[in-house]
C-alpha atoms as a PDB file:
ATOM      1  CA  MET A   1      -8.739  17.134  -2.879  1.00  0.00           C
ATOM      2  CA  ALA A   2     -11.361  14.398  -2.813  1.00  0.00           C
ATOM      3  CA  ASP A   3     -12.929  12.706   0.195  1.00  0.00           C
ATOM      4  CA  LEU A   4     -11.183   9.580   1.415  1.00  0.00           C
ATOM      5  CA  PRO A   5     -12.518   6.433  -0.287  1.00  0.00           C
ATOM      6  CA  GLY A   6     -14.900   4.281   1.701  1.00  0.00           C
ATOM      7  CA  VAL A   7     -12.373   1.478   2.204  1.00  0.00           C
ATOM      8  CA  ARG A   8     -10.114   3.877   4.138  1.00  0.00           C
ATOM      9  CA  ILE A   9     -12.705   4.914   6.727  1.00  0.00           C
ATOM     10  CA  THR A  10     -14.745   1.732   7.245  1.00  0.00           C
ATOM     11  CA  GLU A  11     -13.838  -0.624  10.062  1.00  0.00           C
ATOM     12  CA  ALA A  12     -12.515  -3.917   8.663  1.00  0.00           C
ATOM     13  CA  LEU A  13     -10.146  -6.725   9.545  1.00  0.00           C
ATOM     14  CA  PRO A  14      -6.440  -5.969   8.912  1.00  0.00           C
ATOM     15  CA  PHE A  15      -5.493  -6.347   5.231  1.00  0.00           C
ATOM     16  CA  GLN A  16      -9.062  -6.999   4.101  1.00  0.00           C
ATOM     17  CA  HIS A  17      -8.571  -3.967   1.841  1.00  0.00           C
ATOM     18  CA  SER A  18      -4.922  -3.732   0.806  1.00  0.00           C
ATOM     19  CA  GLY A  19      -2.640  -1.707  -1.425  1.00  0.00           C
ATOM     20  CA  CYS A  20       0.329  -3.284  -3.189  1.00  0.00           C
ATOM     21  CA  ASP A  21       3.572  -1.948  -4.636  1.00  0.00           C
ATOM     22  CA  TYR A  22       7.172  -2.898  -5.406  1.00  0.00           C
ATOM     23  CA  ALA A  23      10.490  -1.459  -4.206  1.00  0.00           C
ATOM     24  CA  GLY A  24      13.939  -2.164  -5.574  1.00  0.00           C
ATOM     25  CA  PRO A  25      15.972  -3.562  -7.119  1.00  0.00           C
ATOM     26  CA  PHE A  26      18.449  -4.527  -4.391  1.00  0.00           C
ATOM     27  CA  ILE A  27      21.598  -6.483  -5.126  1.00  0.00           C
ATOM     28  CA  LEU A  28      21.813  -9.827  -3.320  1.00  0.00           C
ATOM     29  CA  LYS A  29      25.183 -11.490  -2.760  1.00  0.00           C
ATOM     30  CA  GLU A  30      24.232 -14.806  -4.339  1.00  0.00           C
ATOM     31  CA  ARG A  31      25.559 -14.519  -7.892  1.00  0.00           C
ATOM     32  CA  LYS A  32      24.944 -10.765  -7.777  1.00  0.00           C
ATOM     33  CA  THR A  33      21.237 -11.282  -8.455  1.00  0.00           C
ATOM     34  CA  LYS A  34      18.560  -8.649  -8.053  1.00  0.00           C
ATOM     35  CA  GLY A  35      15.964  -8.745  -5.313  1.00  0.00           C
ATOM     36  CA  TYR A  36      12.747  -6.786  -4.941  1.00  0.00           C
ATOM     37  CA  ILE A  37      10.486  -6.017  -2.002  1.00  0.00           C
ATOM     38  CA  CYS A  38       6.774  -6.580  -2.529  1.00  0.00           C
ATOM     39  CA  LEU A  39       4.831  -4.405  -0.088  1.00  0.00           C
ATOM     40  CA  PHE A  40       1.248  -4.867   1.054  1.00  0.00           C
ATOM     41  CA  VAL A  41      -0.355  -2.140   3.174  1.00  0.00           C
ATOM     42  CA  CYS A  42      -3.684  -2.280   4.995  1.00  0.00           C
ATOM     43  CA  LEU A  43      -5.765   0.683   3.851  1.00  0.00           C
ATOM     44  CA  VAL A  44      -7.640   0.817   7.187  1.00  0.00           C
ATOM     45  CA  THR A  45      -5.048   0.189   9.929  1.00  0.00           C
ATOM     46  CA  SER A  46      -1.903   1.280   7.976  1.00  0.00           C
ATOM     47  CA  ALA A  47      -0.172  -2.011   8.844  1.00  0.00           C
ATOM     48  CA  ILE A  48       2.370  -3.276   6.303  1.00  0.00           C
ATOM     49  CA  HIS A  49       3.585  -6.710   5.213  1.00  0.00           C
ATOM     50  CA  LEU A  50       6.803  -7.213   3.240  1.00  0.00           C
ATOM     51  CA  GLU A  51       7.737 -10.127   0.962  1.00  0.00           C
ATOM     52  CA  LEU A  52      11.066 -10.660  -0.809  1.00  0.00           C
ATOM     53  CA  ALA A  53      10.809 -11.392  -4.541  1.00  0.00           C
ATOM     54  CA  THR A  54      13.712 -12.711  -6.607  1.00  0.00           C
ATOM     55  CA  ASP A  55      12.470 -11.448  -9.976  1.00  0.00           C
ATOM     56  CA  LEU A  56       9.721  -9.495 -11.681  1.00  0.00           C
ATOM     57  CA  SER A  57       7.442 -12.166 -13.079  1.00  0.00           C
ATOM     58  CA  THR A  58       3.756 -12.881 -12.645  1.00  0.00           C
ATOM     59  CA  ASP A  59       4.441 -16.298 -11.096  1.00  0.00           C
ATOM     60  CA  THR A  60       6.831 -14.835  -8.514  1.00  0.00           C
ATOM     61  CA  PHE A  61       4.330 -12.135  -7.603  1.00  0.00           C
ATOM     62  CA  LEU A  62       1.524 -14.696  -7.207  1.00  0.00           C
ATOM     63  CA  ALA A  63       3.847 -16.705  -4.920  1.00  0.00           C
ATOM     64  CA  CYS A  64       4.410 -13.562  -2.793  1.00  0.00           C
ATOM     65  CA  LEU A  65       0.666 -13.011  -2.730  1.00  0.00           C
ATOM     66  CA  ARG A  66      -0.001 -16.582  -1.565  1.00  0.00           C
ATOM     67  CA  ARG A  67       2.563 -16.265   1.238  1.00  0.00           C
ATOM     68  CA  PHE A  68       1.041 -12.944   2.276  1.00  0.00           C
ATOM     69  CA  MET A  69      -2.524 -14.286   2.418  1.00  0.00           C
ATOM     70  CA  SER A  70      -1.399 -17.466   4.189  1.00  0.00           C
ATOM     71  CA  LEU A  71      -0.069 -15.297   7.034  1.00  0.00           C
ATOM     72  CA  ARG A  72      -2.505 -12.366   7.028  1.00  0.00           C
ATOM     73  CA  GLY A  73      -5.716 -13.868   5.663  1.00  0.00           C
ATOM     74  CA  LYS A  74      -7.500 -13.495   2.354  1.00  0.00           C
ATOM     75  CA  CYS A  75      -8.161  -9.982   1.038  1.00  0.00           C
ATOM     76  CA  SER A  76     -11.455  -8.897  -0.470  1.00  0.00           C
ATOM     77  CA  GLN A  77      -9.922  -6.123  -2.580  1.00  0.00           C
ATOM     78  CA  ILE A  78      -6.392  -5.118  -3.599  1.00  0.00           C
ATOM     79  CA  PHE A  79      -5.358  -1.797  -5.162  1.00  0.00           C
ATOM     80  CA  SER A  80      -2.123  -1.166  -7.050  1.00  0.00           C
ATOM     81  CA  ASP A  81      -0.351   1.214  -9.386  1.00  0.00           C
ATOM     82  CA  ASN A  82      -0.806   1.099 -13.097  1.00  0.00           C
ATOM     83  CA  GLY A  83       2.535   0.357 -14.734  1.00  0.00           C
ATOM     84  CA  THR A  84       2.577   3.644 -16.631  1.00  0.00           C
ATOM     85  CA  ASN A  85       3.090   5.468 -13.335  1.00  0.00           C
ATOM     86  CA  PHE A  86       6.738   4.460 -13.676  1.00  0.00           C
ATOM     87  CA  VAL A  87       7.161   6.359 -16.948  1.00  0.00           C
ATOM     88  CA  GLY A  88       9.971   8.857 -16.492  1.00  0.00           C
ATOM     89  CA  ALA A  89      11.520   6.948 -13.586  1.00  0.00           C
ATOM     90  CA  LYS A  90      15.097   5.763 -13.478  1.00  0.00           C
ATOM     91  CA  ARG A  91      16.271   2.970 -15.742  1.00  0.00           C
ATOM     92  CA  ALA A  92      16.329   0.592 -12.768  1.00  0.00           C
ATOM     93  CA  LEU A  93      12.507   0.690 -12.767  1.00  0.00           C
ATOM     94  CA  ASP A  94      12.114  -0.229 -16.441  1.00  0.00           C
ATOM     95  CA  GLU A  95      11.611  -3.937 -15.689  1.00  0.00           C
ATOM     96  CA  MET A  96       9.065  -3.079 -13.009  1.00  0.00           C
ATOM     97  CA  GLN A  97       7.176  -0.898 -15.455  1.00  0.00           C
ATOM     98  CA  GLN A  98       7.178  -3.642 -18.088  1.00  0.00           C
ATOM     99  CA  LEU A  99       5.716  -6.135 -15.615  1.00  0.00           C
ATOM    100  CA  LEU A 100       2.997  -3.926 -14.124  1.00  0.00           C
ATOM    101  CA  SER A 101       1.883  -2.408 -17.435  1.00  0.00           C
ATOM    102  CA  SER A 102       1.858  -5.762 -19.238  1.00  0.00           C
ATOM    103  CA  GLN A 103      -1.642  -6.674 -20.366  1.00  0.00           C
ATOM    104  CA  GLU A 104      -0.799 -10.368 -19.985  1.00  0.00           C
ATOM    105  CA  HIS A 105       0.325  -9.821 -16.372  1.00  0.00           C
ATOM    106  CA  GLN A 106      -2.833  -7.880 -15.517  1.00  0.00           C
ATOM    107  CA  ARG A 107      -5.024 -10.470 -17.254  1.00  0.00           C
ATOM    108  CA  ASN A 108      -3.394 -13.470 -15.514  1.00  0.00           C
ATOM    109  CA  LEU A 109      -3.452 -11.670 -12.176  1.00  0.00           C
ATOM    110  CA  THR A 110      -7.110 -10.690 -12.416  1.00  0.00           C
ATOM    111  CA  ARG A 111      -8.120 -14.200 -13.510  1.00  0.00           C
ATOM    112  CA  SER A 112      -6.131 -15.877 -10.730  1.00  0.00           C
ATOM    113  CA  LEU A 113      -7.591 -13.636  -8.020  1.00  0.00           C
ATOM    114  CA  ALA A 114     -11.126 -13.813  -9.402  1.00  0.00           C
ATOM    115  CA  ASN A 115     -11.028 -17.558  -8.766  1.00  0.00           C
ATOM    116  CA  ASN A 116     -10.495 -16.732  -5.075  1.00  0.00           C
ATOM    117  CA  GLY A 117     -13.173 -14.033  -4.961  1.00  0.00           C
ATOM    118  CA  ILE A 118     -10.637 -11.184  -4.730  1.00  0.00           C
ATOM    119  CA  LYS A 119     -11.147  -7.957  -6.685  1.00  0.00           C
ATOM    120  CA  TRP A 120      -8.053  -6.250  -8.119  1.00  0.00           C
ATOM    121  CA  SER A 121      -8.246  -2.532  -8.923  1.00  0.00           C
ATOM    122  CA  PHE A 122      -5.652  -0.445 -10.772  1.00  0.00           C
ATOM    123  CA  ILE A 123      -5.429   3.308 -10.198  1.00  0.00           C
ATOM    124  CA  PRO A 124      -5.482   5.544 -13.306  1.00  0.00           C
ATOM    125  CA  PRO A 125      -2.212   5.796 -15.272  1.00  0.00           C
ATOM    126  CA  HIS A 126       0.020   8.839 -14.727  1.00  0.00           C
ATOM    127  CA  SER A 127      -1.688   9.408 -11.340  1.00  0.00           C
ATOM    128  CA  PRO A 128       0.692   8.160  -8.623  1.00  0.00           C
ATOM    129  CA  HIS A 129      -0.973  10.427  -6.023  1.00  0.00           C
ATOM    130  CA  TRP A 130      -3.986   8.083  -6.159  1.00  0.00           C
ATOM    131  CA  GLY A 131      -1.702   5.510  -4.496  1.00  0.00           C
ATOM    132  CA  GLY A 132      -0.328   7.798  -1.809  1.00  0.00           C
ATOM    133  CA  LYS A 133      -1.086   5.247   0.909  1.00  0.00           C
ATOM    134  CA  TRP A 134       1.414   2.667  -0.344  1.00  0.00           C
ATOM    135  CA  GLU A 135       3.835   5.272  -1.666  1.00  0.00           C
ATOM    136  CA  SER A 136       4.287   6.725   1.843  1.00  0.00           C
ATOM    137  CA  SER A 137       4.698   3.219   3.297  1.00  0.00           C
ATOM    138  CA  LEU A 138       7.377   2.404   0.711  1.00  0.00           C
ATOM    139  CA  ARG A 139       9.191   5.615   1.601  1.00  0.00           C
ATOM    140  CA  SER A 140       9.361   4.512   5.246  1.00  0.00           C
ATOM    141  CA  VAL A 141      10.723   1.093   4.256  1.00  0.00           C
ATOM    142  CA  LYS A 142      13.344   2.542   1.893  1.00  0.00           C
ATOM    143  CA  LEU A 143      14.486   4.997   4.571  1.00  0.00           C
ATOM    144  CA  HIS A 144      15.320   2.156   6.982  1.00  0.00           C
ATOM    145  CA  LEU A 145      16.929   0.097   4.221  1.00  0.00           C
ATOM    146  CA  ARG A 146      19.229   2.914   3.159  1.00  0.00           C
ATOM    147  CA  ARG A 147      20.297   3.555   6.744  1.00  0.00           C
ATOM    148  CA  ILE A 148      21.091  -0.099   7.445  1.00  0.00           C
ATOM    149  CA  VAL A 149      22.256  -1.578   4.152  1.00  0.00           C
ATOM    150  CA  GLY A 150      23.723   1.345   2.249  1.00  0.00           C
ATOM    151  CA  LYS A 151      25.571   0.029  -0.792  1.00  0.00           C
ATOM    152  CA  SER A 152      26.584  -3.295   0.741  1.00  0.00           C
ATOM    153  CA  GLY A 153      24.974  -6.472  -0.569  1.00  0.00           C
ATOM    154  CA  LEU A 154      23.132  -8.943   1.647  1.00  0.00           C
ATOM    155  CA  THR A 155      22.389 -12.623   1.242  1.00  0.00           C
ATOM    156  CA  PHE A 156      18.816 -13.717   0.648  1.00  0.00           C
ATOM    157  CA  GLU A 157      18.489 -14.902   4.250  1.00  0.00           C
ATOM    158  CA  GLN A 158      19.918 -11.655   5.624  1.00  0.00           C
ATOM    159  CA  MET A 159      17.558  -9.568   3.502  1.00  0.00           C
ATOM    160  CA  GLN A 160      14.607 -11.742   4.514  1.00  0.00           C
ATOM    161  CA  THR A 161      15.434 -11.209   8.186  1.00  0.00           C
ATOM    162  CA  LEU A 162      15.983  -7.497   7.693  1.00  0.00           C
ATOM    163  CA  ILE A 163      12.651  -6.812   5.982  1.00  0.00           C
ATOM    164  CA  ALA A 164      10.843  -8.748   8.745  1.00  0.00           C
ATOM    165  CA  GLN A 165      12.472  -6.484  11.333  1.00  0.00           C
ATOM    166  CA  ILE A 166      11.729  -3.365   9.273  1.00  0.00           C
ATOM    167  CA  SER A 167       8.049  -4.314   9.001  1.00  0.00           C
ATOM    168  CA  ALA A 168       7.954  -4.660  12.809  1.00  0.00           C
ATOM    169  CA  VAL A 169       9.477  -1.181  13.197  1.00  0.00           C
ATOM    170  CA  VAL A 170       7.044   0.430  10.750  1.00  0.00           C
ATOM    171  CA  ASN A 171       4.063  -1.406  12.261  1.00  0.00           C
ATOM    172  CA  SER A 172       5.009  -0.152  15.728  1.00  0.00           C
ATOM    173  CA  ARG A 173       4.867   3.535  14.719  1.00  0.00           C
ATOM    174  CA  PRO A 174       2.202   5.595  16.539  1.00  0.00           C
ATOM    175  CA  LEU A 175      -0.849   6.433  14.448  1.00  0.00           C
ATOM    176  CA  CYS A 176      -2.304   8.821  17.009  1.00  0.00           C
ATOM    177  CA  TYR A 177      -1.943   9.820  20.641  1.00  0.00           C
ATOM    178  CA  THR A 178      -4.565   9.030  23.239  1.00  0.00           C
ATOM    179  CA  PRO A 179      -4.460  10.174  26.885  1.00  0.00           C
ATOM    180  CA  ASP A 180      -5.394   6.718  28.177  1.00  0.00           C
ATOM    181  CA  THR A 181      -3.053   5.679  31.001  1.00  0.00           C
ATOM    182  CA  ASP A 182      -2.766   2.067  29.849  1.00  0.00           C
ATOM    183  CA  LEU A 183      -2.405   2.790  26.134  1.00  0.00           C
ATOM    184  CA  ASN A 184      -1.053   6.244  25.327  1.00  0.00           C
ATOM    185  CA  TYR A 185      -0.811   5.680  21.574  1.00  0.00           C
ATOM    186  CA  LEU A 186      -2.364   3.498  18.909  1.00  0.00           C
ATOM    187  CA  SER A 187      -0.213   1.644  16.350  1.00  0.00           C
ATOM    188  CA  PRO A 188      -0.893  -0.865  13.527  1.00  0.00           C
ATOM    189  CA  ALA A 189       0.600  -3.562  15.765  1.00  0.00           C
ATOM    190  CA  HIS A 190      -2.370  -3.284  18.125  1.00  0.00           C
ATOM    191  CA  PHE A 191      -4.644  -4.569  15.346  1.00  0.00           C
ATOM    192  CA  LEU A 192      -2.207  -7.317  14.303  1.00  0.00           C
ATOM    193  CA  ILE A 193      -1.111  -8.834  17.624  1.00  0.00           C
ATOM    194  CA  GLY A 194      -3.119  -6.898  20.229  1.00  0.00           C
ATOM    195  CA  ARG A 195      -0.138  -4.968  21.629  1.00  0.00           C
ATOM    196  CA  PRO A 196       2.949  -3.048  20.423  1.00  0.00           C
ATOM    197  CA  PHE A 197       5.810  -5.204  19.144  1.00  0.00           C
ATOM    198  CA  THR A 198       8.007  -3.747  21.884  1.00  0.00           C
ATOM    199  CA  THR A 199       5.672  -4.771  24.732  1.00  0.00           C
ATOM    200  CA  VAL A 200       6.653  -7.785  26.815  1.00  0.00           C
ATOM    201  CA  PRO A 201       3.883 -10.438  26.691  1.00  0.00           C
ATOM    202  CA  GLU A 202       1.870 -11.197  29.802  1.00  0.00           C
ATOM    203  CA  GLY A 203       3.094 -13.893  32.157  1.00  0.00           C
ATOM    204  CA  ASP A 204       1.857 -17.477  32.220  1.00  0.00           C
ATOM    205  CA  LEU A 205      -1.647 -17.678  33.698  1.00  0.00           C
ATOM    206  CA  THR A 206      -2.123 -21.450  33.472  1.00  0.00           C
ATOM    207  CA  HIS A 207      -1.647 -21.859  37.236  1.00  0.00           C
ATOM    208  CA  LEU A 208      -4.754 -19.730  37.967  1.00  0.00           C
ATOM    209  CA  PRO A 209      -8.176 -21.373  38.429  1.00  0.00           C
ATOM    210  CA  ILE A 210     -10.250 -21.375  35.259  1.00  0.00           C
ATOM    211  CA  ASN A 211     -13.154 -19.591  36.983  1.00  0.00           C
ATOM    212  CA  ARG A 212     -10.939 -16.560  37.577  1.00  0.00           C
ATOM    213  CA  LEU A 213     -10.236 -16.065  33.872  1.00  0.00           C
ATOM    214  CA  ASP A 214     -12.551 -14.353  31.426  1.00  0.00           C
ATOM    215  CA  TYR A 215     -10.031 -14.365  28.612  1.00  0.00           C
ATOM    216  CA  TRP A 216     -12.155 -14.024  25.498  1.00  0.00           C
ATOM    217  CA  GLN A 217     -14.365 -11.290  26.916  1.00  0.00           C
ATOM    218  CA  ASN A 218     -11.281  -9.324  27.944  1.00  0.00           C
ATOM    219  CA  LEU A 219      -9.734  -9.894  24.535  1.00  0.00           C
ATOM    220  CA  GLN A 220     -12.872  -8.784  22.727  1.00  0.00           C
ATOM    221  CA  SER A 221     -13.205  -5.706  24.930  1.00  0.00           C
ATOM    222  CA  MET A 222      -9.573  -4.770  24.272  1.00  0.00           C
ATOM    223  CA  TYR A 223     -10.026  -5.229  20.517  1.00  0.00           C
ATOM    224  CA  GLN A 224     -13.159  -3.064  20.519  1.00  0.00           C
ATOM    225  CA  GLY A 225     -11.208  -0.459  22.499  1.00  0.00           C
ATOM    226  CA  PHE A 226      -8.579  -0.333  19.736  1.00  0.00           C
ATOM    227  CA  TRP A 227     -11.277   0.369  17.150  1.00  0.00           C
ATOM    228  CA  LYS A 228     -12.894   2.982  19.371  1.00  0.00           C
ATOM    229  CA  ARG A 229      -9.585   4.845  19.536  1.00  0.00           C
ATOM    230  CA  TRP A 230      -9.170   4.385  15.766  1.00  0.00           C
ATOM    231  CA  HIS A 231     -12.549   6.057  15.200  1.00  0.00           C
ATOM    232  CA  GLN A 232     -12.098   8.838  17.766  1.00  0.00           C
ATOM    233  CA  GLU A 233      -8.409   9.695  17.401  1.00  0.00           C
ATOM    234  CA  HIS A 234      -6.949   8.458  14.099  1.00  0.00           C
ATOM    235  CA  LEU A 235      -9.900   8.823  11.746  1.00  0.00           C
ATOM    236  CA  THR A 236     -10.494  12.470  12.674  1.00  0.00           C
ATOM    237  CA  SER A 237      -6.846  13.289  11.908  1.00  0.00           C
ATOM    238  CA  LEU A 238      -7.346  12.107   8.307  1.00  0.00           C
ATOM    239  CA  GLN A 239      -9.945  14.765   7.578  1.00  0.00           C
ATOM    240  CA  GLN A 240      -7.378  17.544   7.160  1.00  0.00           C
ATOM    241  CA  ARG A 241      -6.458  18.290   3.547  1.00  0.00           C
ATOM    242  CA  GLN A 242      -3.220  20.141   3.066  1.00  0.00           C
ATOM    243  CA  LYS A 243      -3.344  20.781  -0.685  1.00  0.00           C
ATOM    244  CA  TRP A 244      -5.706  21.222  -3.660  1.00  0.00           C
ATOM    245  CA  SER A 245      -8.125  23.159  -1.471  1.00  0.00           C
ATOM    246  CA  ASN A 246      -9.338  25.549  -4.200  1.00  0.00           C
ATOM    247  CA  LYS A 247     -12.076  24.446  -6.576  1.00  0.00           C
ATOM    248  CA  GLU A 248     -11.241  24.698 -10.272  1.00  0.00           C
ATOM    249  CA  ARG A 249     -13.428  24.425 -13.342  1.00  0.00           C
ATOM    250  CA  ASN A 250     -14.170  20.800 -14.198  1.00  0.00           C
ATOM    251  CA  ILE A 251     -12.330  19.277 -17.137  1.00  0.00           C
ATOM    252  CA  ALA A 252     -14.913  18.444 -19.809  1.00  0.00           C
ATOM    253  CA  VAL A 253     -15.132  16.323 -22.941  1.00  0.00           C
ATOM    254  CA  ASP A 254     -13.401  17.894 -25.978  1.00  0.00           C
ATOM    255  CA  ASN A 255     -11.063  19.989 -23.813  1.00  0.00           C
ATOM    256  CA  VAL A 256      -7.517  20.057 -25.223  1.00  0.00           C
ATOM    257  CA  VAL A 257      -4.725  19.417 -22.714  1.00  0.00           C
ATOM    258  CA  LEU A 258      -0.965  18.854 -22.615  1.00  0.00           C
ATOM    259  CA  VAL A 259       0.360  15.482 -21.419  1.00  0.00           C
ATOM    260  CA  LYS A 260       3.331  15.733 -19.072  1.00  0.00           C
ATOM    261  CA  ASP A 261       5.948  13.091 -19.882  1.00  0.00           C
ATOM    262  CA  SER A 262       9.403  13.196 -18.286  1.00  0.00           C
ATOM    263  CA  ASN A 263      10.856  11.038 -21.096  1.00  0.00           C
ATOM    264  CA  LEU A 264      10.215  13.647 -23.775  1.00  0.00           C
ATOM    265  CA  PRO A 265      13.159  15.708 -25.065  1.00  0.00           C
ATOM    266  CA  PRO A 266      13.147  19.483 -24.519  1.00  0.00           C
ATOM    267  CA  ALA A 267      10.624  21.489 -26.554  1.00  0.00           C
ATOM    268  CA  ALA A 268       8.584  18.351 -27.367  1.00  0.00           C
ATOM    269  CA  TRP A 269       4.927  18.389 -26.346  1.00  0.00           C
ATOM    270  CA  ILE A 270       2.033  15.930 -26.580  1.00  0.00           C
ATOM    271  CA  PRO A 271      -1.385  17.556 -27.033  1.00  0.00           C
ATOM    272  CA  ALA A 272      -4.415  15.401 -26.249  1.00  0.00           C
ATOM    273  CA  ARG A 273      -8.180  15.699 -26.341  1.00  0.00           C
ATOM    274  CA  VAL A 274     -10.478  14.625 -23.510  1.00  0.00           C
ATOM    275  CA  VAL A 275     -12.843  11.921 -24.795  1.00  0.00           C
ATOM    276  CA  GLU A 276     -14.332  10.828 -21.451  1.00  0.00           C
ATOM    277  CA  ALA A 277     -14.649  12.522 -18.057  1.00  0.00           C
ATOM    278  CA  HIS A 278     -15.162  10.509 -14.870  1.00  0.00           C
ATOM    279  CA  PRO A 279     -16.583  12.650 -12.042  1.00  0.00           C
ATOM    280  CA  GLY A 280     -16.283  11.495  -8.439  1.00  0.00           C
ATOM    281  CA  PRO A 281     -19.146  11.188  -5.930  1.00  0.00           C
ATOM    282  CA  ASP A 282     -18.899  14.940  -5.291  1.00  0.00           C
ATOM    283  CA  GLY A 283     -19.249  15.777  -8.984  1.00  0.00           C
ATOM    284  CA  LEU A 284     -15.612  16.872  -9.451  1.00  0.00           C
ATOM    285  CA  VAL A 285     -13.566  15.322 -12.266  1.00  0.00           C
ATOM    286  CA  ARG A 286     -10.241  13.807 -11.213  1.00  0.00           C
ATOM    287  CA  ALA A 287      -9.833  11.134 -13.894  1.00  0.00           C
ATOM    288  CA  VAL A 288     -10.263  11.422 -17.663  1.00  0.00           C
ATOM    289  CA  LYS A 289      -9.692   9.374 -20.803  1.00  0.00           C
ATOM    290  CA  LEU A 290      -7.349  11.103 -23.257  1.00  0.00           C
ATOM    291  CA  LYS A 291      -6.814  10.633 -26.964  1.00  0.00           C
ATOM    292  CA  THR A 292      -3.482  11.557 -28.553  1.00  0.00           C
ATOM    293  CA  SER A 293      -2.377  11.189 -32.164  1.00  0.00           C
ATOM    294  CA  THR A 294      -1.089   7.675 -31.410  1.00  0.00           C
ATOM    295  CA  SER A 295      -3.108   6.190 -28.536  1.00  0.00           C
ATOM    296  CA  GLN A 296      -5.779   6.493 -25.880  1.00  0.00           C
ATOM    297  CA  PHE A 297      -5.306   6.126 -22.136  1.00  0.00           C
END
């Protein structure tokens, strides 16, 4: 297993480096239309932001993106799945695959974000584990949705309210424990609003003399304390690697491999030849370019 990428372990503002993914479809009551959840996850603080999308089009996604950045601030880099990661999924995900793997969608998206100075990066196809950060966040969201909604349909307004409440629940989850008496755990909410979502805000201090308040220094000290705990408690917990601990021989150019495809019928196989190998910073190859009898990817 590779080292964590630099954007995961470098202190940054919430959502400056984000991952993006879709969940759904969900049936909405209005005319039995489909709805989708567009998820954005901060790669540093693990905070999430959810937007409700009414269809799978580039314009609708860009609208979700504008709403997200209007509330959370502009990103410098966004990572997402390549559409071919959905190959072999259920039929319900076919439309999602068509959108995300569309060259026109990727071209329009990249051009639109480049105008705002935002870099968009796609993970390699057929490699969903490269996007484990947003996959695990989506799993948490779907778990709450299944428990609450089940098979019943909701109106657009009800679904909008529900996903806002779900994002608050997920953002209040503890990232790590700390023995501090005032703050015994650290959550994504601390980086978003300076306290857990379940904490009652402080009382009104406007009646106190101004010379008794040192608000911004206290606020800055508290914010730096959150990051200190993030470095000391949370970041160290990410160093453990539970799988792929044994080194294997590197895949090299001209190696012949089999492509795993869940859509293939039994006893059908796709052989491919490695035409390019892309080693990581540690010299190990985790991404390659393959050539089959019909295409390259």
